[in-house]
Structure formats: structure tokens, C-alpha cells
């Protein structure tokens, strides 16, 4: 039986591996889920017994096709709910992640397919993350880079933001960073990996944590 806890583990393993099937370390997973390493080890063994993951001691966990199918279904529900809450109920993008975390586990396939149709089969959620189709494929392919890899003096467009931390997304709104917003990379500070950017003529210093959670593409021109 696949429980809510197991769904969360599978979703996290898939997300941390960036969908490419790589191994995810137990330390990485315990940090992501905010649980002990022993709890991760125990759950990994259960998921292994159910044919959802491959577990190799000292190497980590690798999601298998059965586990990937479950993870993608949960991710699909989460991202469609986020978009529905923003588009239909006009909630701000920093308020929908935790609500979607709850709803994703109790939504039938029928209801989520109905929401998908109602929203006209969207490609992206409110934070720029691609929404899986019913068959597990994507209608959109990510083609952006993290802010840390951007070139000084160049102007970029915000395409995706990691939404897992409400405070982080709220702060981005406060300094006028949102999807499709153009920003210029002014300076990179090597001693703490922070970045100074310019948004609508105003300069801001972003910590390395913020920088690691913002993804960009080159702006036209």
C-alpha cells in the first residue's frame, strides 16, 4: 500500500534526481524531508520491497519506473492545484505550496483531470515548473539555468522559482521578482556566493540560498 508518507518520499527522490534517474543520497533526502537518516533508511527499504526504488548501501536511492509513475502523479496534482488556486481563487504564488501539499494526496484522478481541462491543459505552474500530463510526459521542456551560472552585465528573464519555502517566494515578491521579470546581473561576490542584481532600476543583494532557487533564461536582445 502506498501511503501519504511514501508518496512524499517518492516525489522527493524524483525531484532531487531532477527526473534523470540518478541516485539520491540518504543525507540529501533526510535534509529535504526534514527527517532523520535512520527514518529515510527504513522507508527506503519499504519502497525497495514494493518495487518503487533501487536501494544501494553507501550509494543511495534510485527511483524505478513504478515509483516514478507514482511520483509524477503526485507532482501533477500538486502543480495543477497550485495553478488552480492562483488562477481561480486569486491566491498569491507564495500562499499555494502548502495548500497543494495537502490537496495532492486526497484528489481523485477524475477531479485532477477535470481541473486540467478547466485550466485548458496548462504547461507550467505559477512558479514556472512544468506540469506532467496524465501519461507522465511533459508539455514543456525546461531550458533555463540557475542564477549562479549567469554572466555579469547580462540581462535575463525569470522563468522558474523553487516554491518549497513560503518566505523565500514572499521575499521575491517584495523585491518585485516574478516570472518573466527581466533582471540584470551586476556583481557576484565569491566570498559568500551572493549576487547583486538590478530589477526595474533598483539594485538588490541576493544570498546564495536565494540565488540557488531562481532560474533564468537570456532576455531578448
C-alpha atoms as a PDB file:
ATOM      1  CA  UNK A   1       0.000   0.000   0.000  1.00  0.00           C
ATOM      2  CA  UNK A   2       1.290   3.453  -0.955  1.00  0.00           C
ATOM      3  CA  UNK A   3       0.702   5.902   1.911  1.00  0.00           C
ATOM      4  CA  UNK A   4       0.971   9.712   2.008  1.00  0.00           C
ATOM      5  CA  UNK A   5       4.427   9.374   3.550  1.00  0.00           C
ATOM      6  CA  UNK A   6       5.591   7.049   0.776  1.00  0.00           C
ATOM      7  CA  UNK A   7       4.194   9.414  -1.857  1.00  0.00           C
ATOM      8  CA  UNK A   8       6.200  12.257  -0.331  1.00  0.00           C
ATOM      9  CA  UNK A   9       9.379  10.176  -0.326  1.00  0.00           C
ATOM     10  CA  UNK A  10       8.939   9.176  -3.962  1.00  0.00           C
ATOM     11  CA  UNK A  11       8.165  12.737  -5.001  1.00  0.00           C
ATOM     12  CA  UNK A  12      11.282  13.988  -3.224  1.00  0.00           C
ATOM     13  CA  UNK A  13      13.525  11.278  -4.696  1.00  0.00           C
ATOM     14  CA  UNK A  14      12.291  12.066  -8.203  1.00  0.00           C
ATOM     15  CA  UNK A  15      12.678  15.829  -7.684  1.00  0.00           C
ATOM     16  CA  UNK A  16      16.161  15.621  -6.151  1.00  0.00           C
ATOM     17  CA  UNK A  17      17.297  13.391  -9.011  1.00  0.00           C
ATOM     18  CA  UNK A  18      15.861  16.012 -11.392  1.00  0.00           C
ATOM     19  CA  UNK A  19      13.948  13.291 -13.182  1.00  0.00           C
ATOM     20  CA  UNK A  20      17.116  11.807 -14.691  1.00  0.00           C
ATOM     21  CA  UNK A  21      17.148   8.602 -12.652  1.00  0.00           C
ATOM     22  CA  UNK A  22      20.346   9.344 -10.747  1.00  0.00           C
ATOM     23  CA  UNK A  23      20.968   8.068  -7.232  1.00  0.00           C
ATOM     24  CA  UNK A  24      19.955  10.366  -4.371  1.00  0.00           C
ATOM     25  CA  UNK A  25      21.941  10.172  -1.139  1.00  0.00           C
ATOM     26  CA  UNK A  26      20.190   9.406   2.144  1.00  0.00           C
ATOM     27  CA  UNK A  27      21.649  12.594   3.613  1.00  0.00           C
ATOM     28  CA  UNK A  28      20.173  14.642   0.790  1.00  0.00           C
ATOM     29  CA  UNK A  29      16.778  13.031   1.216  1.00  0.00           C
ATOM     30  CA  UNK A  30      16.715  13.373   5.010  1.00  0.00           C
ATOM     31  CA  UNK A  31      17.511  17.079   4.666  1.00  0.00           C
ATOM     32  CA  UNK A  32      14.822  17.556   2.027  1.00  0.00           C
ATOM     33  CA  UNK A  33      12.139  15.841   4.108  1.00  0.00           C
ATOM     34  CA  UNK A  34      13.423  17.104   7.464  1.00  0.00           C
ATOM     35  CA  UNK A  35      13.564  13.601   8.954  1.00  0.00           C
ATOM     36  CA  UNK A  36      16.363  11.509  10.448  1.00  0.00           C
ATOM     37  CA  UNK A  37      18.696   9.465   8.289  1.00  0.00           C
ATOM     38  CA  UNK A  38      17.510   6.289  10.031  1.00  0.00           C
ATOM     39  CA  UNK A  39      13.902   7.116   9.081  1.00  0.00           C
ATOM     40  CA  UNK A  40      14.993   7.549   5.463  1.00  0.00           C
ATOM     41  CA  UNK A  41      16.821   4.201   5.556  1.00  0.00           C
ATOM     42  CA  UNK A  42      13.758   2.437   6.930  1.00  0.00           C
ATOM     43  CA  UNK A  43      11.399   3.952   4.367  1.00  0.00           C
ATOM     44  CA  UNK A  44      13.857   3.251   1.541  1.00  0.00           C
ATOM     45  CA  UNK A  45      13.807  -0.441   2.416  1.00  0.00           C
ATOM     46  CA  UNK A  46       9.986  -0.458   2.356  1.00  0.00           C
ATOM     47  CA  UNK A  47       9.906   1.245  -1.028  1.00  0.00           C
ATOM     48  CA  UNK A  48      12.517  -1.201  -2.285  1.00  0.00           C
ATOM     49  CA  UNK A  49      10.361  -4.130  -1.181  1.00  0.00           C
ATOM     50  CA  UNK A  50       7.417  -2.655  -3.100  1.00  0.00           C
ATOM     51  CA  UNK A  51       9.469  -2.312  -6.281  1.00  0.00           C
ATOM     52  CA  UNK A  52       9.448   1.505  -6.262  1.00  0.00           C
ATOM     53  CA  UNK A  53      13.156   2.191  -5.782  1.00  0.00           C
ATOM     54  CA  UNK A  54      16.580   0.623  -6.012  1.00  0.00           C
ATOM     55  CA  UNK A  55      18.465   0.970  -2.740  1.00  0.00           C
ATOM     56  CA  UNK A  56      22.235   0.547  -2.671  1.00  0.00           C
ATOM     57  CA  UNK A  57      24.078   0.904   0.607  1.00  0.00           C
ATOM     58  CA  UNK A  58      26.567   3.797   0.668  1.00  0.00           C
ATOM     59  CA  UNK A  59      25.289   4.929  -2.753  1.00  0.00           C
ATOM     60  CA  UNK A  60      21.701   5.938  -2.112  1.00  0.00           C
ATOM     61  CA  UNK A  61      18.313   5.535  -3.716  1.00  0.00           C
ATOM     62  CA  UNK A  62      17.320   5.408  -7.360  1.00  0.00           C
ATOM     63  CA  UNK A  63      13.697   5.648  -8.396  1.00  0.00           C
ATOM     64  CA  UNK A  64      12.338   2.828 -10.577  1.00  0.00           C
ATOM     65  CA  UNK A  65       9.515   3.028 -13.179  1.00  0.00           C
ATOM     66  CA  UNK A  66       6.819   2.050 -10.658  1.00  0.00           C
ATOM     67  CA  UNK A  67       7.981   4.720  -8.215  1.00  0.00           C
ATOM     68  CA  UNK A  68       8.386   7.305 -10.967  1.00  0.00           C
ATOM     69  CA  UNK A  69       4.781   6.780 -12.067  1.00  0.00           C
ATOM     70  CA  UNK A  70       3.545   7.431  -8.531  1.00  0.00           C
ATOM     71  CA  UNK A  71       5.829  10.461  -8.093  1.00  0.00           C
ATOM     72  CA  UNK A  72       4.695  12.054 -11.352  1.00  0.00           C
ATOM     73  CA  UNK A  73       1.047  11.571 -10.457  1.00  0.00           C
ATOM     74  CA  UNK A  74       1.561  13.377  -7.138  1.00  0.00           C
ATOM     75  CA  UNK A  75       3.598  16.159  -8.785  1.00  0.00           C
ATOM     76  CA  UNK A  76       0.874  16.588 -11.432  1.00  0.00           C
ATOM     77  CA  UNK A  77      -1.783  17.012  -8.757  1.00  0.00           C
ATOM     78  CA  UNK A  78       0.379  19.410  -6.748  1.00  0.00           C
ATOM     79  CA  UNK A  79       1.194  21.723  -9.643  1.00  0.00           C
ATOM     80  CA  UNK A  80      -2.312  21.759 -11.066  1.00  0.00           C
ATOM     81  CA  UNK A  81      -3.722  22.618  -7.649  1.00  0.00           C
ATOM     82  CA  UNK A  82      -1.206  25.458  -7.281  1.00  0.00           C
ATOM     83  CA  UNK A  83      -2.257  26.921 -10.619  1.00  0.00           C
ATOM     84  CA  UNK A  84      -5.947  26.448  -9.867  1.00  0.00           C
ATOM     85  CA  UNK A  85      -5.604  28.276  -6.536  1.00  0.00           C
ATOM     86  CA  UNK A  86      -3.784  31.171  -8.208  1.00  0.00           C
ATOM     87  CA  UNK A  87      -5.883  31.407 -11.372  1.00  0.00           C
ATOM     88  CA  UNK A  88      -9.310  30.703  -9.881  1.00  0.00           C
ATOM     89  CA  UNK A  89      -9.130  31.855  -6.260  1.00  0.00           C
ATOM     90  CA  UNK A  90      -6.569  34.616  -6.888  1.00  0.00           C
ATOM     91  CA  UNK A  91      -4.240  33.437  -4.122  1.00  0.00           C
ATOM     92  CA  UNK A  92      -0.692  34.818  -4.302  1.00  0.00           C
ATOM     93  CA  UNK A  93       2.064  32.495  -5.509  1.00  0.00           C
ATOM     94  CA  UNK A  94       3.647  32.367  -2.048  1.00  0.00           C
ATOM     95  CA  UNK A  95       0.448  31.000  -0.451  1.00  0.00           C
ATOM     96  CA  UNK A  96      -0.315  27.955  -2.586  1.00  0.00           C
ATOM     97  CA  UNK A  97       2.514  25.478  -1.995  1.00  0.00           C
ATOM     98  CA  UNK A  98       1.460  24.289   1.464  1.00  0.00           C
ATOM     99  CA  UNK A  99      -2.192  24.072   0.421  1.00  0.00           C
ATOM    100  CA  UNK A 100      -1.264  21.988  -2.626  1.00  0.00           C
ATOM    101  CA  UNK A 101       0.877  19.738  -0.393  1.00  0.00           C
ATOM    102  CA  UNK A 102      -2.305  18.775   1.463  1.00  0.00           C
ATOM    103  CA  UNK A 103      -4.634  18.525  -1.528  1.00  0.00           C
ATOM    104  CA  UNK A 104      -2.312  16.411  -3.699  1.00  0.00           C
ATOM    105  CA  UNK A 105      -2.853  13.313  -1.566  1.00  0.00           C
ATOM    106  CA  UNK A 106      -6.660  13.394  -1.476  1.00  0.00           C
ATOM    107  CA  UNK A 107      -7.559  14.278  -5.058  1.00  0.00           C
ATOM    108  CA  UNK A 108      -9.004  11.659  -7.393  1.00  0.00           C
ATOM    109  CA  UNK A 109      -7.666  11.206 -10.913  1.00  0.00           C
ATOM    110  CA  UNK A 110     -11.092  12.266 -12.206  1.00  0.00           C
ATOM    111  CA  UNK A 111     -11.025  15.579 -10.340  1.00  0.00           C
ATOM    112  CA  UNK A 112      -7.460  16.449 -11.285  1.00  0.00           C
ATOM    113  CA  UNK A 113      -8.176  15.634 -14.950  1.00  0.00           C
ATOM    114  CA  UNK A 114     -11.212  17.912 -14.738  1.00  0.00           C
ATOM    115  CA  UNK A 115      -9.086  20.718 -13.277  1.00  0.00           C
ATOM    116  CA  UNK A 116      -6.518  20.168 -16.049  1.00  0.00           C
ATOM    117  CA  UNK A 117      -9.254  20.529 -18.674  1.00  0.00           C
ATOM    118  CA  UNK A 118     -10.765  23.572 -16.923  1.00  0.00           C
ATOM    119  CA  UNK A 119      -7.373  25.301 -16.959  1.00  0.00           C
ATOM    120  CA  UNK A 120      -7.020  24.435 -20.679  1.00  0.00           C
ATOM    121  CA  UNK A 121      -4.176  21.941 -20.217  1.00  0.00           C
ATOM    122  CA  UNK A 122      -1.501  24.333 -18.886  1.00  0.00           C
ATOM    123  CA  UNK A 123       2.213  23.735 -19.368  1.00  0.00           C
ATOM    124  CA  UNK A 124       3.536  25.446 -16.236  1.00  0.00           C
ATOM    125  CA  UNK A 125       2.540  26.020 -12.626  1.00  0.00           C
ATOM    126  CA  UNK A 126       2.645  29.513 -11.008  1.00  0.00           C
ATOM    127  CA  UNK A 127       6.338  29.108 -10.176  1.00  0.00           C
ATOM    128  CA  UNK A 128       7.406  28.074 -13.682  1.00  0.00           C
ATOM    129  CA  UNK A 129       7.620  24.329 -13.016  1.00  0.00           C
ATOM    130  CA  UNK A 130       6.355  22.092 -15.860  1.00  0.00           C
ATOM    131  CA  UNK A 131       3.125  20.186 -15.191  1.00  0.00           C
ATOM    132  CA  UNK A 132       3.175  16.472 -16.054  1.00  0.00           C
ATOM    133  CA  UNK A 133       0.467  15.209 -18.408  1.00  0.00           C
ATOM    134  CA  UNK A 134      -1.815  12.334 -17.480  1.00  0.00           C
ATOM    135  CA  UNK A 135       0.567   9.855 -19.147  1.00  0.00           C
ATOM    136  CA  UNK A 136       3.598  11.214 -17.263  1.00  0.00           C
ATOM    137  CA  UNK A 137       5.063  13.164 -20.171  1.00  0.00           C
ATOM    138  CA  UNK A 138       5.562  16.927 -20.170  1.00  0.00           C
ATOM    139  CA  UNK A 139       4.118  19.585 -22.462  1.00  0.00           C
ATOM    140  CA  UNK A 140       7.100  21.819 -21.753  1.00  0.00           C
ATOM    141  CA  UNK A 141      10.832  21.181 -21.517  1.00  0.00           C
ATOM    142  CA  UNK A 142      12.904  23.167 -19.031  1.00  0.00           C
ATOM    143  CA  UNK A 143      15.660  25.145 -20.736  1.00  0.00           C
ATOM    144  CA  UNK A 144      16.925  27.559 -18.098  1.00  0.00           C
ATOM    145  CA  UNK A 145      19.973  27.945 -15.866  1.00  0.00           C
ATOM    146  CA  UNK A 146      20.437  28.787 -12.169  1.00  0.00           C
ATOM    147  CA  UNK A 147      21.274  32.401 -11.397  1.00  0.00           C
ATOM    148  CA  UNK A 148      24.696  31.307 -10.140  1.00  0.00           C
ATOM    149  CA  UNK A 149      25.693  30.407 -13.721  1.00  0.00           C
ATOM    150  CA  UNK A 150      24.649  33.724 -15.251  1.00  0.00           C
ATOM    151  CA  UNK A 151      27.140  36.157 -16.822  1.00  0.00           C
ATOM    152  CA  UNK A 152      27.924  39.536 -15.307  1.00  0.00           C
ATOM    153  CA  UNK A 153      26.397  42.502 -17.129  1.00  0.00           C
ATOM    154  CA  UNK A 154      23.830  40.391 -18.970  1.00  0.00           C
ATOM    155  CA  UNK A 155      20.055  40.736 -18.697  1.00  0.00           C
ATOM    156  CA  UNK A 156      17.942  37.656 -18.059  1.00  0.00           C
ATOM    157  CA  UNK A 157      14.294  36.727 -17.676  1.00  0.00           C
ATOM    158  CA  UNK A 158      12.991  34.837 -14.639  1.00  0.00           C
ATOM    159  CA  UNK A 159      11.497  31.526 -15.771  1.00  0.00           C
ATOM    160  CA  UNK A 160      11.295  29.396 -12.626  1.00  0.00           C
ATOM    161  CA  UNK A 161      11.430  29.714  -8.837  1.00  0.00           C
ATOM    162  CA  UNK A 162      11.672  26.968  -6.246  1.00  0.00           C
ATOM    163  CA  UNK A 163       8.478  27.309  -4.234  1.00  0.00           C
ATOM    164  CA  UNK A 164       9.183  24.996  -1.297  1.00  0.00           C
ATOM    165  CA  UNK A 165       9.814  27.835   1.138  1.00  0.00           C
ATOM    166  CA  UNK A 166       6.981  30.326   1.517  1.00  0.00           C
ATOM    167  CA  UNK A 167       9.205  33.037   2.997  1.00  0.00           C
ATOM    168  CA  UNK A 168      11.576  32.820   0.051  1.00  0.00           C
ATOM    169  CA  UNK A 169       8.810  33.328  -2.517  1.00  0.00           C
ATOM    170  CA  UNK A 170       7.268  36.117  -0.445  1.00  0.00           C
ATOM    171  CA  UNK A 171      10.597  37.954  -0.331  1.00  0.00           C
ATOM    172  CA  UNK A 172      10.974  37.679  -4.105  1.00  0.00           C
ATOM    173  CA  UNK A 173       7.556  39.304  -4.490  1.00  0.00           C
ATOM    174  CA  UNK A 174       8.647  42.063  -2.107  1.00  0.00           C
ATOM    175  CA  UNK A 175      11.604  42.992  -4.335  1.00  0.00           C
ATOM    176  CA  UNK A 176       9.477  42.702  -7.477  1.00  0.00           C
ATOM    177  CA  UNK A 177      10.884  39.403  -8.771  1.00  0.00           C
ATOM    178  CA  UNK A 178       8.245  37.322 -10.526  1.00  0.00           C
ATOM    179  CA  UNK A 179       8.005  35.088 -13.583  1.00  0.00           C
ATOM    180  CA  UNK A 180       9.055  36.767 -16.850  1.00  0.00           C
ATOM    181  CA  UNK A 181      10.575  39.705 -14.955  1.00  0.00           C
ATOM    182  CA  UNK A 182      13.833  40.956 -16.526  1.00  0.00           C
ATOM    183  CA  UNK A 183      16.810  41.289 -14.194  1.00  0.00           C
ATOM    184  CA  UNK A 184      20.415  42.321 -14.772  1.00  0.00           C
ATOM    185  CA  UNK A 185      23.364  40.562 -13.119  1.00  0.00           C
ATOM    186  CA  UNK A 186      25.527  43.333 -11.635  1.00  0.00           C
ATOM    187  CA  UNK A 187      28.071  41.554  -9.441  1.00  0.00           C
ATOM    188  CA  UNK A 188      28.955  38.145  -7.977  1.00  0.00           C
ATOM    189  CA  UNK A 189      30.606  38.029  -4.565  1.00  0.00           C
ATOM    190  CA  UNK A 190      32.867  34.988  -4.307  1.00  0.00           C
ATOM    191  CA  UNK A 191      33.309  35.045  -0.527  1.00  0.00           C
ATOM    192  CA  UNK A 192      29.662  34.171   0.151  1.00  0.00           C
ATOM    193  CA  UNK A 193      28.312  33.354  -3.353  1.00  0.00           C
ATOM    194  CA  UNK A 194      25.772  36.161  -3.155  1.00  0.00           C
ATOM    195  CA  UNK A 195      24.738  38.087  -6.279  1.00  0.00           C
ATOM    196  CA  UNK A 196      23.837  41.743  -6.780  1.00  0.00           C
ATOM    197  CA  UNK A 197      21.093  42.242  -9.341  1.00  0.00           C
ATOM    198  CA  UNK A 198      19.094  45.119 -10.775  1.00  0.00           C
ATOM    199  CA  UNK A 199      15.301  44.948 -11.114  1.00  0.00           C
ATOM    200  CA  UNK A 200      13.439  47.900 -12.642  1.00  0.00           C
ATOM    201  CA  UNK A 201      16.357  50.178 -11.895  1.00  0.00           C
ATOM    202  CA  UNK A 202      16.710  49.084  -8.260  1.00  0.00           C
ATOM    203  CA  UNK A 203      19.684  47.049  -7.017  1.00  0.00           C
ATOM    204  CA  UNK A 204      19.288  44.132  -4.592  1.00  0.00           C
ATOM    205  CA  UNK A 205      21.763  41.758  -2.944  1.00  0.00           C
ATOM    206  CA  UNK A 206      20.611  38.132  -3.017  1.00  0.00           C
ATOM    207  CA  UNK A 207      22.028  35.482  -0.700  1.00  0.00           C
ATOM    208  CA  UNK A 208      23.384  32.216  -2.074  1.00  0.00           C
ATOM    209  CA  UNK A 209      20.208  30.470  -0.890  1.00  0.00           C
ATOM    210  CA  UNK A 210      18.055  32.786  -2.971  1.00  0.00           C
ATOM    211  CA  UNK A 211      20.415  32.517  -5.945  1.00  0.00           C
ATOM    212  CA  UNK A 212      20.202  28.708  -5.862  1.00  0.00           C
ATOM    213  CA  UNK A 213      16.412  28.856  -6.087  1.00  0.00           C
ATOM    214  CA  UNK A 214      15.995  31.218  -9.040  1.00  0.00           C
ATOM    215  CA  UNK A 215      16.298  30.086 -12.677  1.00  0.00           C
ATOM    216  CA  UNK A 216      16.703  32.287 -15.722  1.00  0.00           C
ATOM    217  CA  UNK A 217      16.960  32.450 -19.500  1.00  0.00           C
ATOM    218  CA  UNK A 218      18.649  35.146 -21.558  1.00  0.00           C
ATOM    219  CA  UNK A 219      16.382  38.098 -22.301  1.00  0.00           C
ATOM    220  CA  UNK A 220      15.785  39.016 -25.930  1.00  0.00           C
ATOM    221  CA  UNK A 221      18.334  41.467 -27.190  1.00  0.00           C
END
